[in-house]
PDB file of N, CA and C in Angstrom:
ATOM      1  N   MET A   1     -24.547  11.597   7.539  1.00  0.00           N
ATOM      2  CA  MET A   1     -23.194  11.630   7.027  1.00  0.00           C
ATOM      3  C   MET A   1     -22.409  10.456   7.596  1.00  0.00           C
ATOM      4  N   ASN A   2     -21.690   9.772   6.751  1.00  0.00           N
ATOM      5  CA  ASN A   2     -20.927   8.598   7.163  1.00  0.00           C
ATOM      6  C   ASN A   2     -19.527   9.028   7.593  1.00  0.00           C
ATOM      7  N   HIS A   3     -19.244   8.938   8.893  1.00  0.00           N
ATOM      8  CA  HIS A   3     -17.949   9.384   9.415  1.00  0.00           C
ATOM      9  C   HIS A   3     -16.824   8.411   9.117  1.00  0.00           C
ATOM     10  N   SER A   4     -17.139   7.172   8.749  1.00  0.00           N
ATOM     11  CA  SER A   4     -16.079   6.218   8.435  1.00  0.00           C
ATOM     12  C   SER A   4     -15.357   6.601   7.147  1.00  0.00           C
ATOM     13  N   LEU A   5     -16.000   7.398   6.280  1.00  0.00           N
ATOM     14  CA  LEU A   5     -15.360   7.825   5.043  1.00  0.00           C
ATOM     15  C   LEU A   5     -14.385   8.972   5.271  1.00  0.00           C
ATOM     16  N   ASP A   6     -14.401   9.569   6.472  1.00  0.00           N
ATOM     17  CA  ASP A   6     -13.526  10.691   6.762  1.00  0.00           C
ATOM     18  C   ASP A   6     -12.085  10.269   6.966  1.00  0.00           C
ATOM     19  N   LYS A   7     -11.834   9.023   7.258  1.00  0.00           N
ATOM     20  CA  LYS A   7     -10.484   8.562   7.560  1.00  0.00           C
ATOM     21  C   LYS A   7      -9.895   7.817   6.381  1.00  0.00           C
ATOM     22  N   SER A   8      -8.605   8.021   6.184  1.00  0.00           N
ATOM     23  CA  SER A   8      -7.917   7.264   5.145  1.00  0.00           C
ATOM     24  C   SER A   8      -7.370   5.981   5.756  1.00  0.00           C
ATOM     25  N   VAL A   9      -6.860   5.130   4.915  1.00  0.00           N
ATOM     26  CA  VAL A   9      -6.310   3.856   5.366  1.00  0.00           C
ATOM     27  C   VAL A   9      -5.144   4.073   6.323  1.00  0.00           C
ATOM     28  N   TRP A  10      -4.449   5.193   6.196  1.00  0.00           N
ATOM     29  CA  TRP A  10      -3.247   5.433   6.999  1.00  0.00           C
ATOM     30  C   TRP A  10      -3.574   5.698   8.462  1.00  0.00           C
ATOM     31  N   HIS A  11      -4.833   6.027   8.771  1.00  0.00           N
ATOM     32  CA  HIS A  11      -5.231   6.202  10.173  1.00  0.00           C
ATOM     33  C   HIS A  11      -5.288   4.870  10.915  1.00  0.00           C
ATOM     34  N   TYR A  12      -5.378   3.776  10.171  1.00  0.00           N
ATOM     35  CA  TYR A  12      -5.494   2.449  10.774  1.00  0.00           C
ATOM     36  C   TYR A  12      -4.164   1.699  10.819  1.00  0.00           C
ATOM     37  N   LYS A  13      -3.124   2.279  10.254  1.00  0.00           N
ATOM     38  CA  LYS A  13      -1.832   1.600  10.149  1.00  0.00           C
ATOM     39  C   LYS A  13      -0.860   2.117  11.193  1.00  0.00           C
ATOM     40  N   PRO A  14       0.037   1.248  11.685  1.00  0.00           N
ATOM     41  CA  PRO A  14       1.063   1.697  12.641  1.00  0.00           C
ATOM     42  C   PRO A  14       2.107   2.575  11.952  1.00  0.00           C
ATOM     43  N   TRP A  15       2.985   3.171  12.733  1.00  0.00           N
ATOM     44  CA  TRP A  15       3.980   4.112  12.193  1.00  0.00           C
ATOM     45  C   TRP A  15       4.885   3.467  11.158  1.00  0.00           C
ATOM     46  N   TRP A  16       5.207   2.200  11.322  1.00  0.00           N
ATOM     47  CA  TRP A  16       6.119   1.542  10.397  1.00  0.00           C
ATOM     48  C   TRP A  16       5.451   1.139   9.092  1.00  0.00           C
ATOM     49  N   CYS A  17       4.166   1.392   8.966  1.00  0.00           N
ATOM     50  CA  CYS A  17       3.442   1.066   7.734  1.00  0.00           C
ATOM     51  C   CYS A  17       2.789   2.328   7.150  1.00  0.00           C
ATOM     52  N   GLN A  18       3.420   3.455   7.334  1.00  0.00           N
ATOM     53  CA  GLN A  18       2.959   4.715   6.770  1.00  0.00           C
ATOM     54  C   GLN A  18       3.653   4.955   5.433  1.00  0.00           C
ATOM     55  N   PRO A  19       3.121   5.827   4.576  1.00  0.00           N
ATOM     56  CA  PRO A  19       3.737   6.047   3.263  1.00  0.00           C
ATOM     57  C   PRO A  19       5.212   6.454   3.348  1.00  0.00           C
ATOM     58  N   TRP A  20       5.538   7.322   4.297  1.00  0.00           N
ATOM     59  CA  TRP A  20       6.931   7.772   4.404  1.00  0.00           C
ATOM     60  C   TRP A  20       7.862   6.625   4.752  1.00  0.00           C
ATOM     61  N   SER A  21       7.404   5.706   5.603  1.00  0.00           N
ATOM     62  CA  SER A  21       8.275   4.592   5.991  1.00  0.00           C
ATOM     63  C   SER A  21       8.394   3.563   4.866  1.00  0.00           C
ATOM     64  N   ILE A  22       7.327   3.378   4.093  1.00  0.00           N
ATOM     65  CA  ILE A  22       7.380   2.460   2.955  1.00  0.00           C
ATOM     66  C   ILE A  22       8.345   2.997   1.906  1.00  0.00           C
ATOM     67  N   LEU A  23       8.222   4.284   1.588  1.00  0.00           N
ATOM     68  CA  LEU A  23       9.111   4.890   0.588  1.00  0.00           C
ATOM     69  C   LEU A  23      10.561   4.922   1.072  1.00  0.00           C
ATOM     70  N   LEU A  24      10.763   5.241   2.326  1.00  0.00           N
ATOM     71  CA  LEU A  24      12.120   5.287   2.878  1.00  0.00           C
ATOM     72  C   LEU A  24      12.758   3.900   2.895  1.00  0.00           C
ATOM     73  N   THR A  25      12.016   2.904   3.314  1.00  0.00           N
ATOM     74  CA  THR A  25      12.538   1.540   3.356  1.00  0.00           C
ATOM     75  C   THR A  25      12.861   1.026   1.959  1.00  0.00           C
ATOM     76  N   GLY A  26      11.950   1.228   1.018  1.00  0.00           N
ATOM     77  CA  GLY A  26      12.177   0.777  -0.350  1.00  0.00           C
ATOM     78  C   GLY A  26      13.382   1.449  -0.982  1.00  0.00           C
ATOM     79  N   THR A  27      13.499   2.757  -0.786  1.00  0.00           N
ATOM     80  CA  THR A  27      14.646   3.495  -1.325  1.00  0.00           C
ATOM     81  C   THR A  27      15.939   3.022  -0.684  1.00  0.00           C
ATOM     82  N   ALA A  28      15.918   2.770   0.611  1.00  0.00           N
ATOM     83  CA  ALA A  28      17.121   2.299   1.308  1.00  0.00           C
ATOM     84  C   ALA A  28      17.544   0.914   0.813  1.00  0.00           C
ATOM     85  N   ILE A  29      16.585   0.036   0.564  1.00  0.00           N
ATOM     86  CA  ILE A  29      16.909  -1.313   0.089  1.00  0.00           C
ATOM     87  C   ILE A  29      17.531  -1.257  -1.306  1.00  0.00           C
ATOM     88  N   ILE A  30      16.920  -0.476  -2.192  1.00  0.00           N
ATOM     89  CA  ILE A  30      17.447  -0.370  -3.558  1.00  0.00           C
ATOM     90  C   ILE A  30      18.815   0.308  -3.548  1.00  0.00           C
ATOM     91  N   SER A  31      18.936   1.400  -2.814  1.00  0.00           N
ATOM     92  CA  SER A  31      20.224   2.109  -2.733  1.00  0.00           C
ATOM     93  C   SER A  31      21.291   1.242  -2.078  1.00  0.00           C
ATOM     94  N   GLY A  32      20.899   0.531  -1.033  1.00  0.00           N
ATOM     95  CA  GLY A  32      21.838  -0.343  -0.340  1.00  0.00           C
ATOM     96  C   GLY A  32      22.361  -1.447  -1.234  1.00  0.00           C
ATOM     97  N   SER A  33      21.513  -1.964  -2.096  1.00  0.00           N
ATOM     98  CA  SER A  33      21.947  -2.981  -3.045  1.00  0.00           C
ATOM     99  C   SER A  33      23.026  -2.430  -3.976  1.00  0.00           C
ATOM    100  N   TRP A  34      22.810  -1.213  -4.451  1.00  0.00           N
ATOM    101  CA  TRP A  34      23.800  -0.610  -5.351  1.00  0.00           C
ATOM    102  C   TRP A  34      25.096  -0.272  -4.603  1.00  0.00           C
ATOM    103  N   VAL A  35      24.976   0.312  -3.427  1.00  0.00           N
ATOM    104  CA  VAL A  35      26.160   0.727  -2.664  1.00  0.00           C
ATOM    105  C   VAL A  35      27.004  -0.484  -2.268  1.00  0.00           C
ATOM    106  N   LEU A  36      26.358  -1.562  -1.867  1.00  0.00           N
ATOM    107  CA  LEU A  36      27.111  -2.736  -1.427  1.00  0.00           C
ATOM    108  C   LEU A  36      27.696  -3.545  -2.581  1.00  0.00           C
ATOM    109  N   LEU A  37      26.953  -3.679  -3.665  1.00  0.00           N
ATOM    110  CA  LEU A  37      27.354  -4.617  -4.711  1.00  0.00           C
ATOM    111  C   LEU A  37      27.853  -3.961  -6.007  1.00  0.00           C
ATOM    112  N   HIS A  38      27.439  -2.733  -6.270  1.00  0.00           N
ATOM    113  CA  HIS A  38      27.807  -2.034  -7.511  1.00  0.00           C
ATOM    114  C   HIS A  38      27.551  -2.890  -8.743  1.00  0.00           C
ATOM    115  N   THR A  39      26.454  -3.620  -8.732  1.00  0.00           N
ATOM    116  CA  THR A  39      26.085  -4.474  -9.850  1.00  0.00           C
ATOM    117  C   THR A  39      24.690  -4.081 -10.311  1.00  0.00           C
ATOM    118  N   LEU A  40      24.599  -3.583 -11.539  1.00  0.00           N
ATOM    119  CA  LEU A  40      23.332  -3.095 -12.057  1.00  0.00           C
ATOM    120  C   LEU A  40      22.291  -4.208 -12.138  1.00  0.00           C
ATOM    121  N   LEU A  41      22.680  -5.385 -12.574  1.00  0.00           N
ATOM    122  CA  LEU A  41      21.729  -6.483 -12.715  1.00  0.00           C
ATOM    123  C   LEU A  41      21.098  -6.859 -11.373  1.00  0.00           C
ATOM    124  N   ILE A  42      21.908  -6.999 -10.357  1.00  0.00           N
ATOM    125  CA  ILE A  42      21.372  -7.364  -9.029  1.00  0.00           C
ATOM    126  C   ILE A  42      20.510  -6.237  -8.473  1.00  0.00           C
ATOM    127  N   THR A  43      20.944  -4.996  -8.673  1.00  0.00           N
ATOM    128  CA  THR A  43      20.147  -3.863  -8.205  1.00  0.00           C
ATOM    129  C   THR A  43      18.796  -3.830  -8.911  1.00  0.00           C
ATOM    130  N   LEU A  44      18.776  -4.117 -10.198  1.00  0.00           N
ATOM    131  CA  LEU A  44      17.502  -4.182 -10.924  1.00  0.00           C
ATOM    132  C   LEU A  44      16.632  -5.337 -10.422  1.00  0.00           C
ATOM    133  N   LEU A  45      17.259  -6.471 -10.135  1.00  0.00           N
ATOM    134  CA  LEU A  45      16.503  -7.615  -9.604  1.00  0.00           C
ATOM    135  C   LEU A  45      15.921  -7.311  -8.222  1.00  0.00           C
ATOM    136  N   VAL A  46      16.598  -6.481  -7.478  1.00  0.00           N
ATOM    137  CA  VAL A  46      16.087  -6.051  -6.173  1.00  0.00           C
ATOM    138  C   VAL A  46      15.025  -4.971  -6.361  1.00  0.00           C
ATOM    139  N   ALA A  47      15.266  -4.057  -7.310  1.00  0.00           N
ATOM    140  CA  ALA A  47      14.394  -2.892  -7.479  1.00  0.00           C
ATOM    141  C   ALA A  47      13.004  -3.259  -7.993  1.00  0.00           C
ATOM    142  N   VAL A  48      12.900  -4.219  -8.883  1.00  0.00           N
ATOM    143  CA  VAL A  48      11.590  -4.538  -9.478  1.00  0.00           C
ATOM    144  C   VAL A  48      10.570  -4.975  -8.424  1.00  0.00           C
ATOM    145  N   PRO A  49      10.853  -5.975  -7.589  1.00  0.00           N
ATOM    146  CA  PRO A  49       9.831  -6.340  -6.588  1.00  0.00           C
ATOM    147  C   PRO A  49       9.629  -5.257  -5.516  1.00  0.00           C
ATOM    148  N   VAL A  50      10.691  -4.551  -5.157  1.00  0.00           N
ATOM    149  CA  VAL A  50      10.558  -3.505  -4.135  1.00  0.00           C
ATOM    150  C   VAL A  50       9.706  -2.355  -4.668  1.00  0.00           C
ATOM    151  N   LEU A  51       9.941  -1.928  -5.909  1.00  0.00           N
ATOM    152  CA  LEU A  51       9.124  -0.870  -6.502  1.00  0.00           C
ATOM    153  C   LEU A  51       7.677  -1.320  -6.676  1.00  0.00           C
ATOM    154  N   THR A  52       7.474  -2.577  -7.020  1.00  0.00           N
ATOM    155  CA  THR A  52       6.123  -3.116  -7.130  1.00  0.00           C
ATOM    156  C   THR A  52       5.416  -3.044  -5.780  1.00  0.00           C
ATOM    157  N   TRP A  53       6.117  -3.433  -4.730  1.00  0.00           N
ATOM    158  CA  TRP A  53       5.580  -3.372  -3.366  1.00  0.00           C
ATOM    159  C   TRP A  53       5.242  -1.932  -2.982  1.00  0.00           C
ATOM    160  N   MET A  54       6.161  -1.002  -3.290  1.00  0.00           N
ATOM    161  CA  MET A  54       5.934   0.400  -2.940  1.00  0.00           C
ATOM    162  C   MET A  54       4.737   0.982  -3.689  1.00  0.00           C
ATOM    163  N   ILE A  55       4.642   0.710  -4.980  1.00  0.00           N
ATOM    164  CA  ILE A  55       3.536   1.230  -5.791  1.00  0.00           C
ATOM    165  C   ILE A  55       2.210   0.667  -5.299  1.00  0.00           C
ATOM    166  N   PHE A  56       2.189  -0.620  -4.970  1.00  0.00           N
ATOM    167  CA  PHE A  56       0.945  -1.216  -4.495  1.00  0.00           C
ATOM    168  C   PHE A  56       0.501  -0.593  -3.172  1.00  0.00           C
ATOM    169  N   PHE A  57       1.391  -0.538  -2.190  1.00  0.00           N
ATOM    170  CA  PHE A  57       0.986  -0.106  -0.854  1.00  0.00           C
ATOM    171  C   PHE A  57       0.818   1.399  -0.709  1.00  0.00           C
ATOM    172  N   VAL A  58       1.448   2.189  -1.576  1.00  0.00           N
ATOM    173  CA  VAL A  58       1.287   3.638  -1.477  1.00  0.00           C
ATOM    174  C   VAL A  58       0.260   4.147  -2.489  1.00  0.00           C
ATOM    175  N   GLY A  59       0.102   3.454  -3.610  1.00  0.00           N
ATOM    176  CA  GLY A  59      -0.799   3.927  -4.649  1.00  0.00           C
ATOM    177  C   GLY A  59      -2.099   3.157  -4.772  1.00  0.00           C
ATOM    178  N   VAL A  60      -2.012   1.849  -4.923  1.00  0.00           N
ATOM    179  CA  VAL A  60      -3.191   1.032  -5.224  1.00  0.00           C
ATOM    180  C   VAL A  60      -4.008   0.728  -3.962  1.00  0.00           C
ATOM    181  N   TYR A  61      -3.363   0.284  -2.918  1.00  0.00           N
ATOM    182  CA  TYR A  61      -4.054  -0.139  -1.702  1.00  0.00           C
ATOM    183  C   TYR A  61      -4.944   0.956  -1.089  1.00  0.00           C
ATOM    184  N   PRO A  62      -4.478   2.213  -0.983  1.00  0.00           N
ATOM    185  CA  PRO A  62      -5.369   3.242  -0.427  1.00  0.00           C
ATOM    186  C   PRO A  62      -6.631   3.466  -1.270  1.00  0.00           C
ATOM    187  N   ARG A  63      -6.491   3.371  -2.599  1.00  0.00           N
ATOM    188  CA  ARG A  63      -7.668   3.526  -3.462  1.00  0.00           C
ATOM    189  C   ARG A  63      -8.646   2.368  -3.270  1.00  0.00           C
ATOM    190  N   LEU A  64      -8.126   1.151  -3.152  1.00  0.00           N
ATOM    191  CA  LEU A  64      -8.992  -0.005  -2.915  1.00  0.00           C
ATOM    192  C   LEU A  64      -9.704   0.114  -1.577  1.00  0.00           C
ATOM    193  N   PHE A  65      -8.997   0.606  -0.569  1.00  0.00           N
ATOM    194  CA  PHE A  65      -9.585   0.795   0.755  1.00  0.00           C
ATOM    195  C   PHE A  65     -10.719   1.812   0.685  1.00  0.00           C
ATOM    196  N   LEU A  66     -10.501   2.904  -0.048  1.00  0.00           N
ATOM    197  CA  LEU A  66     -11.531   3.929  -0.187  1.00  0.00           C
ATOM    198  C   LEU A  66     -12.742   3.380  -0.916  1.00  0.00           C
ATOM    199  N   GLN A  67     -12.535   2.610  -1.974  1.00  0.00           N
ATOM    200  CA  GLN A  67     -13.646   1.985  -2.691  1.00  0.00           C
ATOM    201  C   GLN A  67     -14.415   1.028  -1.793  1.00  0.00           C
ATOM    202  N   MET A  68     -13.700   0.271  -0.982  1.00  0.00           N
ATOM    203  CA  MET A  68     -14.356  -0.659  -0.066  1.00  0.00           C
ATOM    204  C   MET A  68     -15.226   0.104   0.931  1.00  0.00           C
ATOM    205  N   GLN A  69     -14.704   1.222   1.444  1.00  0.00           N
ATOM    206  CA  GLN A  69     -15.481   2.023   2.387  1.00  0.00           C
ATOM    207  C   GLN A  69     -16.736   2.586   1.725  1.00  0.00           C
ATOM    208  N   GLU A  70     -16.585   3.069   0.507  1.00  0.00           N
ATOM    209  CA  GLU A  70     -17.733   3.658  -0.189  1.00  0.00           C
ATOM    210  C   GLU A  70     -18.784   2.597  -0.506  1.00  0.00           C
ATOM    211  N   ASN A  71     -18.362   1.394  -0.865  1.00  0.00           N
ATOM    212  CA  ASN A  71     -19.298   0.331  -1.227  1.00  0.00           C
ATOM    213  C   ASN A  71     -19.934  -0.342  -0.027  1.00  0.00           C
ATOM    214  N   SER A  72     -19.314  -0.259   1.132  1.00  0.00           N
ATOM    215  CA  SER A  72     -19.845  -0.979   2.298  1.00  0.00           C
ATOM    216  C   SER A  72     -21.133  -0.370   2.822  1.00  0.00           C
ATOM    217  N   GLY A  73     -21.407   0.871   2.502  1.00  0.00           N
ATOM    218  CA  GLY A  73     -22.614   1.517   3.004  1.00  0.00           C
ATOM    219  C   GLY A  73     -23.834   1.318   2.131  1.00  0.00           C
ATOM    220  N   SER A  74     -23.666   0.790   0.930  1.00  0.00           N
ATOM    221  CA  SER A  74     -24.812   0.669   0.033  1.00  0.00           C
ATOM    222  C   SER A  74     -25.541  -0.655   0.259  1.00  0.00           C
ATOM    223  N   PRO A  75     -26.874  -0.629   0.313  1.00  0.00           N
ATOM    224  CA  PRO A  75     -27.657  -1.831   0.618  1.00  0.00           C
ATOM    225  C   PRO A  75     -27.517  -2.944  -0.422  1.00  0.00           C
ATOM    226  N   GLU A  76     -27.266  -2.605  -1.693  1.00  0.00           N
ATOM    227  CA  GLU A  76     -27.166  -3.663  -2.701  1.00  0.00           C
ATOM    228  C   GLU A  76     -25.925  -4.522  -2.527  1.00  0.00           C
ATOM    229  N   ASN A  77     -24.964  -4.066  -1.727  1.00  0.00           N
ATOM    230  CA  ASN A  77     -23.751  -4.839  -1.502  1.00  0.00           C
ATOM    231  C   ASN A  77     -23.793  -5.691  -0.249  1.00  0.00           C
ATOM    232  N   GLU A  78     -24.887  -5.656   0.458  1.00  0.00           N
ATOM    233  CA  GLU A  78     -25.005  -6.453   1.665  1.00  0.00           C
ATOM    234  C   GLU A  78     -25.186  -7.919   1.313  1.00  0.00           C
ATOM    235  N   ILE A  79     -24.647  -8.780   2.118  1.00  0.00           N
ATOM    236  CA  ILE A  79     -24.818 -10.212   1.920  1.00  0.00           C
ATOM    237  C   ILE A  79     -26.124 -10.633   2.538  1.00  0.00           C
ATOM    238  N   LYS A  80     -26.955 -11.255   1.731  1.00  0.00           N
ATOM    239  CA  LYS A  80     -28.258 -11.707   2.234  1.00  0.00           C
ATOM    240  C   LYS A  80     -28.161 -13.176   2.644  1.00  0.00           C
ATOM    241  N   PRO A  81     -28.752 -13.517   3.783  1.00  0.00           N
ATOM    242  CA  PRO A  81     -28.712 -14.911   4.226  1.00  0.00           C
ATOM    243  C   PRO A  81     -29.518 -15.781   3.267  1.00  0.00           C
ATOM    244  N   SER A  82     -29.015 -16.986   3.047  1.00  0.00           N
ATOM    245  CA  SER A  82     -29.751 -17.904   2.159  1.00  0.00           C
ATOM    246  C   SER A  82     -30.905 -18.549   2.924  1.00  0.00           C
ATOM    247  N   SER A  83     -32.023 -18.793   2.213  1.00  0.00           N
ATOM    248  CA  SER A  83     -33.197 -19.352   2.873  1.00  0.00           C
ATOM    249  C   SER A  83     -33.204 -20.853   2.789  1.00  0.00           C
TER     250      SER A  83
END
């Protein structure tokens, strides 16, 4: 049994890079933009990259990490030295 598959990506990340902190920070940035400026256009310009960052690091990145872990144990994925 491969024990490296038992851990998620979040076991390797510090407290400030956990899902709750990513979501809290992103929400605070978007909300702060609206509270300070009350301008929908600027808030949208802030929200698009922040939401993209949040979706990637909370949704996509953990799945990629899991796929990498699953593929690292198979012999066909090993790099063979060139002769």
